[in-house]
Amino acid sequence: MNLTFRKIEEFSKAFFIEKVSILEAFLFVLNYIHILLLKD
């Protein structure tokens, strides 16, 4: 039972970290586009 919980916890952490990195990349791209628009 405890082992199963540990596996779920590890999986959810990895999933969360992956989601955060995707969000960060998305925000970086939006910021880059915004800078390009301001330069023009």
PDB file of N, CA and C in Angstrom:
ATOM      1  N   MET A   1       0.831  -1.203   0.000  1.00  0.00           N
ATOM      2  CA  MET A   1       0.000   0.000   0.000  1.00  0.00           C
ATOM      3  C   MET A   1       0.872   1.262   0.000  1.00  0.00           C
ATOM      4  N   ASN A   2       1.842   1.304   0.888  1.00  0.00           N
ATOM      5  CA  ASN A   2       2.722   2.463   0.988  1.00  0.00           C
ATOM      6  C   ASN A   2       3.559   2.638  -0.278  1.00  0.00           C
ATOM      7  N   LEU A   3       4.021   1.526  -0.851  1.00  0.00           N
ATOM      8  CA  LEU A   3       4.817   1.560  -2.068  1.00  0.00           C
ATOM      9  C   LEU A   3       4.014   2.145  -3.233  1.00  0.00           C
ATOM     10  N   THR A   4       2.752   1.759  -3.336  1.00  0.00           N
ATOM     11  CA  THR A   4       1.873   2.269  -4.387  1.00  0.00           C
ATOM     12  C   THR A   4       1.699   3.775  -4.243  1.00  0.00           C
ATOM     13  N   PHE A   5       1.517   4.219  -3.007  1.00  0.00           N
ATOM     14  CA  PHE A   5       1.362   5.650  -2.740  1.00  0.00           C
ATOM     15  C   PHE A   5       2.615   6.409  -3.148  1.00  0.00           C
ATOM     16  N   ARG A   6       3.783   5.838  -2.863  1.00  0.00           N
ATOM     17  CA  ARG A   6       5.059   6.461  -3.211  1.00  0.00           C
ATOM     18  C   ARG A   6       5.180   6.627  -4.732  1.00  0.00           C
ATOM     19  N   LYS A   7       4.775   5.575  -5.450  1.00  0.00           N
ATOM     20  CA  LYS A   7       4.839   5.620  -6.914  1.00  0.00           C
ATOM     21  C   LYS A   7       3.937   6.710  -7.477  1.00  0.00           C
ATOM     22  N   ILE A   8       2.724   6.809  -6.910  1.00  0.00           N
ATOM     23  CA  ILE A   8       1.781   7.847  -7.347  1.00  0.00           C
ATOM     24  C   ILE A   8       2.346   9.233  -7.050  1.00  0.00           C
ATOM     25  N   GLU A   9       2.953   9.381  -5.898  1.00  0.00           N
ATOM     26  CA  GLU A   9       3.539  10.662  -5.495  1.00  0.00           C
ATOM     27  C   GLU A   9       4.669  11.062  -6.444  1.00  0.00           C
ATOM     28  N   GLU A  10       5.553  10.115  -6.767  1.00  0.00           N
ATOM     29  CA  GLU A  10       6.658  10.371  -7.698  1.00  0.00           C
ATOM     30  C   GLU A  10       6.132  10.774  -9.068  1.00  0.00           C
ATOM     31  N   PHE A  11       5.109  10.039  -9.528  1.00  0.00           N
ATOM     32  CA  PHE A  11       4.526  10.306 -10.837  1.00  0.00           C
ATOM     33  C   PHE A  11       3.900  11.693 -10.891  1.00  0.00           C
ATOM     34  N   SER A  12       3.144  12.047  -9.854  1.00  0.00           N
ATOM     35  CA  SER A  12       2.484  13.352  -9.826  1.00  0.00           C
ATOM     36  C   SER A  12       3.498  14.492  -9.754  1.00  0.00           C
ATOM     37  N   LYS A  13       4.599  14.277  -9.031  1.00  0.00           N
ATOM     38  CA  LYS A  13       5.652  15.290  -8.963  1.00  0.00           C
ATOM     39  C   LYS A  13       6.289  15.490 -10.337  1.00  0.00           C
ATOM     40  N   ALA A  14       6.620  14.396 -11.005  1.00  0.00           N
ATOM     41  CA  ALA A  14       7.221  14.465 -12.342  1.00  0.00           C
ATOM     42  C   ALA A  14       6.269  15.146 -13.320  1.00  0.00           C
ATOM     43  N   PHE A  15       4.986  14.809 -13.212  1.00  0.00           N
ATOM     44  CA  PHE A  15       3.965  15.395 -14.082  1.00  0.00           C
ATOM     45  C   PHE A  15       3.856  16.891 -13.837  1.00  0.00           C
ATOM     46  N   PHE A  16       3.859  17.290 -12.564  1.00  0.00           N
ATOM     47  CA  PHE A  16       3.765  18.706 -12.194  1.00  0.00           C
ATOM     48  C   PHE A  16       4.970  19.489 -12.704  1.00  0.00           C
ATOM     49  N   ILE A  17       6.170  18.934 -12.514  1.00  0.00           N
ATOM     50  CA  ILE A  17       7.402  19.584 -12.971  1.00  0.00           C
ATOM     51  C   ILE A  17       7.372  19.755 -14.485  1.00  0.00           C
ATOM     52  N   GLU A  18       6.893  18.714 -15.196  1.00  0.00           N
ATOM     53  CA  GLU A  18       6.796  18.775 -16.644  1.00  0.00           C
ATOM     54  C   GLU A  18       5.836  19.883 -17.071  1.00  0.00           C
ATOM     55  N   LYS A  19       4.682  19.963 -16.393  1.00  0.00           N
ATOM     56  CA  LYS A  19       3.690  20.994 -16.690  1.00  0.00           C
ATOM     57  C   LYS A  19       4.257  22.392 -16.449  1.00  0.00           C
ATOM     58  N   VAL A  20       4.983  22.561 -15.349  1.00  0.00           N
ATOM     59  CA  VAL A  20       5.576  23.856 -15.021  1.00  0.00           C
ATOM     60  C   VAL A  20       6.584  24.267 -16.090  1.00  0.00           C
ATOM     61  N   SER A  21       7.415  23.336 -16.535  1.00  0.00           N
ATOM     62  CA  SER A  21       8.414  23.675 -17.545  1.00  0.00           C
ATOM     63  C   SER A  21       7.761  24.041 -18.880  1.00  0.00           C
ATOM     64  N   ILE A  22       6.649  23.373 -19.215  1.00  0.00           N
ATOM     65  CA  ILE A  22       5.906  23.718 -20.426  1.00  0.00           C
ATOM     66  C   ILE A  22       5.347  25.131 -20.298  1.00  0.00           C
ATOM     67  N   LEU A  23       4.796  25.448 -19.118  1.00  0.00           N
ATOM     68  CA  LEU A  23       4.247  26.778 -18.864  1.00  0.00           C
ATOM     69  C   LEU A  23       5.334  27.841 -18.947  1.00  0.00           C
ATOM     70  N   GLU A  24       6.494  27.573 -18.376  1.00  0.00           N
ATOM     71  CA  GLU A  24       7.612  28.513 -18.426  1.00  0.00           C
ATOM     72  C   GLU A  24       8.063  28.763 -19.859  1.00  0.00           C
ATOM     73  N   ALA A  25       8.151  27.702 -20.649  1.00  0.00           N
ATOM     74  CA  ALA A  25       8.538  27.837 -22.055  1.00  0.00           C
ATOM     75  C   ALA A  25       7.515  28.673 -22.816  1.00  0.00           C
ATOM     76  N   PHE A  26       6.239  28.441 -22.542  1.00  0.00           N
ATOM     77  CA  PHE A  26       5.150  29.188 -23.171  1.00  0.00           C
ATOM     78  C   PHE A  26       5.241  30.673 -22.830  1.00  0.00           C
ATOM     79  N   LEU A  27       5.469  30.978 -21.542  1.00  0.00           N
ATOM     80  CA  LEU A  27       5.595  32.367 -21.111  1.00  0.00           C
ATOM     81  C   LEU A  27       6.829  33.024 -21.718  1.00  0.00           C
ATOM     82  N   PHE A  28       7.916  32.287 -21.847  1.00  0.00           N
ATOM     83  CA  PHE A  28       9.138  32.802 -22.461  1.00  0.00           C
ATOM     84  C   PHE A  28       8.888  33.197 -23.912  1.00  0.00           C
ATOM     85  N   VAL A  29       8.171  32.328 -24.644  1.00  0.00           N
ATOM     86  CA  VAL A  29       7.845  32.599 -26.045  1.00  0.00           C
ATOM     87  C   VAL A  29       6.940  33.830 -26.153  1.00  0.00           C
ATOM     88  N   LEU A  30       5.943  33.930 -25.291  1.00  0.00           N
ATOM     89  CA  LEU A  30       5.053  35.097 -25.299  1.00  0.00           C
ATOM     90  C   LEU A  30       5.829  36.382 -25.033  1.00  0.00           C
ATOM     91  N   ASN A  31       6.740  36.329 -24.077  1.00  0.00           N
ATOM     92  CA  ASN A  31       7.563  37.487 -23.739  1.00  0.00           C
ATOM     93  C   ASN A  31       8.454  37.886 -24.915  1.00  0.00           C
ATOM     94  N   TYR A  32       9.026  36.904 -25.592  1.00  0.00           N
ATOM     95  CA  TYR A  32       9.881  37.140 -26.757  1.00  0.00           C
ATOM     96  C   TYR A  32       9.099  37.805 -27.886  1.00  0.00           C
ATOM     97  N   ILE A  33       7.894  37.308 -28.149  1.00  0.00           N
ATOM     98  CA  ILE A  33       7.028  37.892 -29.175  1.00  0.00           C
ATOM     99  C   ILE A  33       6.677  39.338 -28.797  1.00  0.00           C
ATOM    100  N   HIS A  34       6.396  39.568 -27.554  1.00  0.00           N
ATOM    101  CA  HIS A  34       6.055  40.906 -27.059  1.00  0.00           C
ATOM    102  C   HIS A  34       7.214  41.880 -27.293  1.00  0.00           C
ATOM    103  N   ILE A  35       8.441  41.447 -27.021  1.00  0.00           N
ATOM    104  CA  ILE A  35       9.634  42.271 -27.239  1.00  0.00           C
ATOM    105  C   ILE A  35       9.798  42.584 -28.733  1.00  0.00           C
ATOM    106  N   LEU A  36       9.578  41.573 -29.575  1.00  0.00           N
ATOM    107  CA  LEU A  36       9.672  41.792 -31.021  1.00  0.00           C
ATOM    108  C   LEU A  36       8.639  42.811 -31.495  1.00  0.00           C
ATOM    109  N   LEU A  37       7.436  42.721 -30.971  1.00  0.00           N
ATOM    110  CA  LEU A  37       6.371  43.664 -31.339  1.00  0.00           C
ATOM    111  C   LEU A  37       6.708  45.085 -30.882  1.00  0.00           C
ATOM    112  N   LEU A  38       7.314  45.203 -29.713  1.00  0.00           N
ATOM    113  CA  LEU A  38       7.695  46.522 -29.218  1.00  0.00           C
ATOM    114  C   LEU A  38       8.817  47.133 -30.057  1.00  0.00           C
ATOM    115  N   LYS A  39       9.741  46.318 -30.518  1.00  0.00           N
ATOM    116  CA  LYS A  39      10.844  46.814 -31.353  1.00  0.00           C
ATOM    117  C   LYS A  39      10.331  47.358 -32.680  1.00  0.00           C
ATOM    118  N   ASP A  40       9.321  46.724 -33.212  1.00  0.00           N
ATOM    119  CA  ASP A  40       8.725  47.132 -34.485  1.00  0.00           C
ATOM    120  C   ASP A  40       7.844  48.364 -34.260  1.00  0.00           C
TER     121      ASP A  40
END
